[in-house]
């Protein structure tokens, strides 16, 4: 999420301005299906893209170092001990990232792709609820 920064210091305006020349701060967040935000980090400049944000992410730095929350689940009789994150195609091919099937042809893959896309929107839905309930999140900082 990009949060408009109304009172950005003059010295920082270039770093926090994007292609539309609005100064914003990036909020990195993870949310579950039930709108629980389990990770949030404010402060990254607007000039960053998803990959730059990932490089500076504390939660993904811990994953890269092998320190991840303990998660146990089974799929098709295969036991897993590491969680996963639904992403779009720009993210790196890490084992913890599950990308959307880009052009599903079979009905089964179309259903899986639709379910993944729906679940991937949990963060956007969580922010929509926050912005509806709390005006401070809606307006510029």
C-alpha atoms as a PDB file:
ATOM      1  CA  UNK A   1       0.000   0.000   0.000  1.00  0.00           C
ATOM      2  CA  UNK A   2       1.235   3.484  -0.798  1.00  0.00           C
ATOM      3  CA  UNK A   3       0.246   6.043   1.835  1.00  0.00           C
ATOM      4  CA  UNK A   4       0.353   9.678   0.749  1.00  0.00           C
ATOM      5  CA  UNK A   5       2.862  11.681   2.819  1.00  0.00           C
ATOM      6  CA  UNK A   6       1.568  15.252   2.938  1.00  0.00           C
ATOM      7  CA  UNK A   7       4.350  16.731   5.120  1.00  0.00           C
ATOM      8  CA  UNK A   8       7.371  14.948   3.641  1.00  0.00           C
ATOM      9  CA  UNK A   9      10.594  16.892   4.392  1.00  0.00           C
ATOM     10  CA  UNK A  10      11.969  18.736   1.357  1.00  0.00           C
ATOM     11  CA  UNK A  11      15.281  16.847   1.546  1.00  0.00           C
ATOM     12  CA  UNK A  12      13.477  13.493   1.190  1.00  0.00           C
ATOM     13  CA  UNK A  13      10.911  14.400  -1.467  1.00  0.00           C
ATOM     14  CA  UNK A  14      12.858  12.937  -4.402  1.00  0.00           C
ATOM     15  CA  UNK A  15      13.253   9.565  -2.720  1.00  0.00           C
ATOM     16  CA  UNK A  16       9.594   9.364  -1.686  1.00  0.00           C
ATOM     17  CA  UNK A  17       8.149  10.492  -5.046  1.00  0.00           C
ATOM     18  CA  UNK A  18       7.092   8.074  -7.759  1.00  0.00           C
ATOM     19  CA  UNK A  19       6.220   8.453 -11.413  1.00  0.00           C
ATOM     20  CA  UNK A  20       3.174  10.609 -10.596  1.00  0.00           C
ATOM     21  CA  UNK A  21       5.270  12.908  -8.347  1.00  0.00           C
ATOM     22  CA  UNK A  22       3.216  12.290  -5.219  1.00  0.00           C
ATOM     23  CA  UNK A  23       5.185  11.628  -2.062  1.00  0.00           C
ATOM     24  CA  UNK A  24       4.173   8.320  -0.511  1.00  0.00           C
ATOM     25  CA  UNK A  25       5.459   5.792   2.009  1.00  0.00           C
ATOM     26  CA  UNK A  26       5.180   2.090   1.228  1.00  0.00           C
ATOM     27  CA  UNK A  27       3.515  -0.174   3.764  1.00  0.00           C
ATOM     28  CA  UNK A  28       4.620  -3.798   3.559  1.00  0.00           C
ATOM     29  CA  UNK A  29       1.981  -6.063   5.107  1.00  0.00           C
ATOM     30  CA  UNK A  30       0.834  -9.673   5.360  1.00  0.00           C
ATOM     31  CA  UNK A  31      -2.808 -10.464   6.087  1.00  0.00           C
ATOM     32  CA  UNK A  32      -4.760 -13.667   6.551  1.00  0.00           C
ATOM     33  CA  UNK A  33      -8.160 -14.565   5.129  1.00  0.00           C
ATOM     34  CA  UNK A  34      -9.862 -13.412   8.347  1.00  0.00           C
ATOM     35  CA  UNK A  35      -8.355  -9.890   8.053  1.00  0.00           C
ATOM     36  CA  UNK A  36      -5.680 -10.469  10.712  1.00  0.00           C
ATOM     37  CA  UNK A  37      -2.625  -8.379   9.796  1.00  0.00           C
ATOM     38  CA  UNK A  38       0.273 -10.466  11.074  1.00  0.00           C
ATOM     39  CA  UNK A  39       3.093  -8.249   9.751  1.00  0.00           C
ATOM     40  CA  UNK A  40       3.330  -4.554   8.927  1.00  0.00           C
ATOM     41  CA  UNK A  41       6.321  -2.334   8.175  1.00  0.00           C
ATOM     42  CA  UNK A  42       6.094   1.343   7.226  1.00  0.00           C
ATOM     43  CA  UNK A  43       8.784   3.600   5.886  1.00  0.00           C
ATOM     44  CA  UNK A  44      10.089   2.357   2.562  1.00  0.00           C
ATOM     45  CA  UNK A  45      10.341   5.084  -0.091  1.00  0.00           C
ATOM     46  CA  UNK A  46       7.837   5.257  -2.970  1.00  0.00           C
ATOM     47  CA  UNK A  47      10.708   4.919  -5.427  1.00  0.00           C
ATOM     48  CA  UNK A  48      10.997   1.194  -4.546  1.00  0.00           C
ATOM     49  CA  UNK A  49       9.253  -1.568  -6.488  1.00  0.00           C
ATOM     50  CA  UNK A  50       8.102  -4.952  -5.130  1.00  0.00           C
ATOM     51  CA  UNK A  51      11.550  -6.548  -5.528  1.00  0.00           C
ATOM     52  CA  UNK A  52      13.317  -3.684  -3.688  1.00  0.00           C
ATOM     53  CA  UNK A  53      10.770  -3.910  -0.884  1.00  0.00           C
ATOM     54  CA  UNK A  54      11.364  -7.667  -0.672  1.00  0.00           C
ATOM     55  CA  UNK A  55      15.137  -7.091  -0.398  1.00  0.00           C
ATOM     56  CA  UNK A  56      14.574  -4.839   2.626  1.00  0.00           C
ATOM     57  CA  UNK A  57      11.851  -6.911   4.260  1.00  0.00           C
ATOM     58  CA  UNK A  58      12.564  -8.135   7.780  1.00  0.00           C
ATOM     59  CA  UNK A  59      10.149 -11.052   7.518  1.00  0.00           C
ATOM     60  CA  UNK A  60      11.617 -12.352   4.260  1.00  0.00           C
ATOM     61  CA  UNK A  61      15.191 -11.811   5.480  1.00  0.00           C
ATOM     62  CA  UNK A  62      14.402 -14.229   8.296  1.00  0.00           C
ATOM     63  CA  UNK A  63      12.979 -16.726   5.794  1.00  0.00           C
ATOM     64  CA  UNK A  64      16.127 -16.470   3.665  1.00  0.00           C
ATOM     65  CA  UNK A  65      18.217 -17.237   6.765  1.00  0.00           C
ATOM     66  CA  UNK A  66      16.115 -20.317   7.517  1.00  0.00           C
ATOM     67  CA  UNK A  67      14.302 -18.756  10.473  1.00  0.00           C
ATOM     68  CA  UNK A  68      10.600 -19.087   9.849  1.00  0.00           C
ATOM     69  CA  UNK A  69       7.567 -19.580  12.076  1.00  0.00           C
ATOM     70  CA  UNK A  70       6.840 -23.237  12.716  1.00  0.00           C
ATOM     71  CA  UNK A  71       4.009 -24.351  10.450  1.00  0.00           C
ATOM     72  CA  UNK A  72       2.869 -27.925   9.910  1.00  0.00           C
ATOM     73  CA  UNK A  73       0.363 -29.035   7.303  1.00  0.00           C
ATOM     74  CA  UNK A  74      -0.209 -31.886   4.877  1.00  0.00           C
ATOM     75  CA  UNK A  75      -1.138 -31.795   1.186  1.00  0.00           C
ATOM     76  CA  UNK A  76      -1.638 -35.024  -0.765  1.00  0.00           C
ATOM     77  CA  UNK A  77       0.030 -37.009   2.043  1.00  0.00           C
ATOM     78  CA  UNK A  78       3.137 -34.795   1.904  1.00  0.00           C
ATOM     79  CA  UNK A  79       4.116 -33.057   5.156  1.00  0.00           C
ATOM     80  CA  UNK A  80       5.257 -29.421   4.997  1.00  0.00           C
ATOM     81  CA  UNK A  81       6.982 -27.419   7.737  1.00  0.00           C
ATOM     82  CA  UNK A  82       7.318 -23.998   6.081  1.00  0.00           C
ATOM     83  CA  UNK A  83       4.497 -21.599   5.284  1.00  0.00           C
ATOM     84  CA  UNK A  84       3.859 -20.149   1.868  1.00  0.00           C
ATOM     85  CA  UNK A  85       2.928 -16.770   0.436  1.00  0.00           C
ATOM     86  CA  UNK A  86       0.700 -16.212  -2.597  1.00  0.00           C
ATOM     87  CA  UNK A  87       2.382 -13.818  -5.030  1.00  0.00           C
ATOM     88  CA  UNK A  88       2.191 -12.563  -8.572  1.00  0.00           C
ATOM     89  CA  UNK A  89       4.726 -13.285 -11.315  1.00  0.00           C
ATOM     90  CA  UNK A  90       7.296 -10.587 -10.440  1.00  0.00           C
ATOM     91  CA  UNK A  91       8.577 -12.319  -7.290  1.00  0.00           C
ATOM     92  CA  UNK A  92      11.671 -14.508  -7.184  1.00  0.00           C
ATOM     93  CA  UNK A  93      11.302 -18.305  -7.528  1.00  0.00           C
ATOM     94  CA  UNK A  94      11.618 -19.060  -3.799  1.00  0.00           C
ATOM     95  CA  UNK A  95      10.125 -22.256  -2.382  1.00  0.00           C
ATOM     96  CA  UNK A  96       7.962 -20.191  -0.025  1.00  0.00           C
ATOM     97  CA  UNK A  97       6.309 -18.239  -2.875  1.00  0.00           C
ATOM     98  CA  UNK A  98       3.369 -19.767  -4.721  1.00  0.00           C
ATOM     99  CA  UNK A  99       2.705 -17.915  -7.963  1.00  0.00           C
ATOM    100  CA  UNK A 100      -0.604 -17.761  -9.772  1.00  0.00           C
ATOM    101  CA  UNK A 101      -0.970 -20.074 -12.778  1.00  0.00           C
ATOM    102  CA  UNK A 102      -0.640 -17.515 -15.578  1.00  0.00           C
ATOM    103  CA  UNK A 103      -2.771 -19.116 -18.311  1.00  0.00           C
ATOM    104  CA  UNK A 104      -4.733 -22.057 -16.902  1.00  0.00           C
ATOM    105  CA  UNK A 105      -6.234 -24.290 -19.590  1.00  0.00           C
ATOM    106  CA  UNK A 106      -7.869 -27.151 -17.687  1.00  0.00           C
ATOM    107  CA  UNK A 107     -10.927 -26.665 -15.459  1.00  0.00           C
ATOM    108  CA  UNK A 108      -9.048 -27.920 -12.386  1.00  0.00           C
ATOM    109  CA  UNK A 109      -6.221 -25.404 -12.922  1.00  0.00           C
ATOM    110  CA  UNK A 110      -8.738 -22.621 -13.607  1.00  0.00           C
ATOM    111  CA  UNK A 111     -10.424 -23.318 -10.250  1.00  0.00           C
ATOM    112  CA  UNK A 112      -7.068 -23.394  -8.437  1.00  0.00           C
ATOM    113  CA  UNK A 113      -6.018 -20.151 -10.111  1.00  0.00           C
ATOM    114  CA  UNK A 114      -9.281 -18.418  -9.176  1.00  0.00           C
ATOM    115  CA  UNK A 115      -8.973 -19.572  -5.545  1.00  0.00           C
ATOM    116  CA  UNK A 116      -5.345 -18.362  -5.375  1.00  0.00           C
ATOM    117  CA  UNK A 117      -6.234 -14.992  -6.860  1.00  0.00           C
ATOM    118  CA  UNK A 118      -9.080 -14.592  -4.378  1.00  0.00           C
ATOM    119  CA  UNK A 119      -6.831 -15.459  -1.421  1.00  0.00           C
ATOM    120  CA  UNK A 120      -4.068 -13.170  -2.705  1.00  0.00           C
ATOM    121  CA  UNK A 121      -6.465 -10.249  -2.365  1.00  0.00           C
ATOM    122  CA  UNK A 122      -6.699 -10.674   1.441  1.00  0.00           C
ATOM    123  CA  UNK A 123      -4.276  -7.788   2.069  1.00  0.00           C
ATOM    124  CA  UNK A 124      -6.246  -5.446  -0.190  1.00  0.00           C
ATOM    125  CA  UNK A 125      -9.483  -6.470   1.520  1.00  0.00           C
ATOM    126  CA  UNK A 126      -7.922  -5.929   4.970  1.00  0.00           C
ATOM    127  CA  UNK A 127      -6.837  -2.406   3.990  1.00  0.00           C
ATOM    128  CA  UNK A 128     -10.270  -1.700   2.550  1.00  0.00           C
ATOM    129  CA  UNK A 129     -11.845  -2.558   5.907  1.00  0.00           C
ATOM    130  CA  UNK A 130      -9.266  -0.444   7.785  1.00  0.00           C
ATOM    131  CA  UNK A 131      -9.857   2.537   5.497  1.00  0.00           C
ATOM    132  CA  UNK A 132     -13.612   2.222   5.918  1.00  0.00           C
ATOM    133  CA  UNK A 133     -13.456   2.042   9.715  1.00  0.00           C
ATOM    134  CA  UNK A 134     -10.605   4.476  10.436  1.00  0.00           C
ATOM    135  CA  UNK A 135     -10.463   7.772   8.545  1.00  0.00           C
ATOM    136  CA  UNK A 136      -6.808   8.335   9.491  1.00  0.00           C
ATOM    137  CA  UNK A 137      -5.760   5.451   7.228  1.00  0.00           C
ATOM    138  CA  UNK A 138      -7.808   6.866   4.335  1.00  0.00           C
ATOM    139  CA  UNK A 139      -6.229  10.308   4.240  1.00  0.00           C
ATOM    140  CA  UNK A 140      -2.655  11.516   3.827  1.00  0.00           C
ATOM    141  CA  UNK A 141      -0.232  11.283   6.746  1.00  0.00           C
END
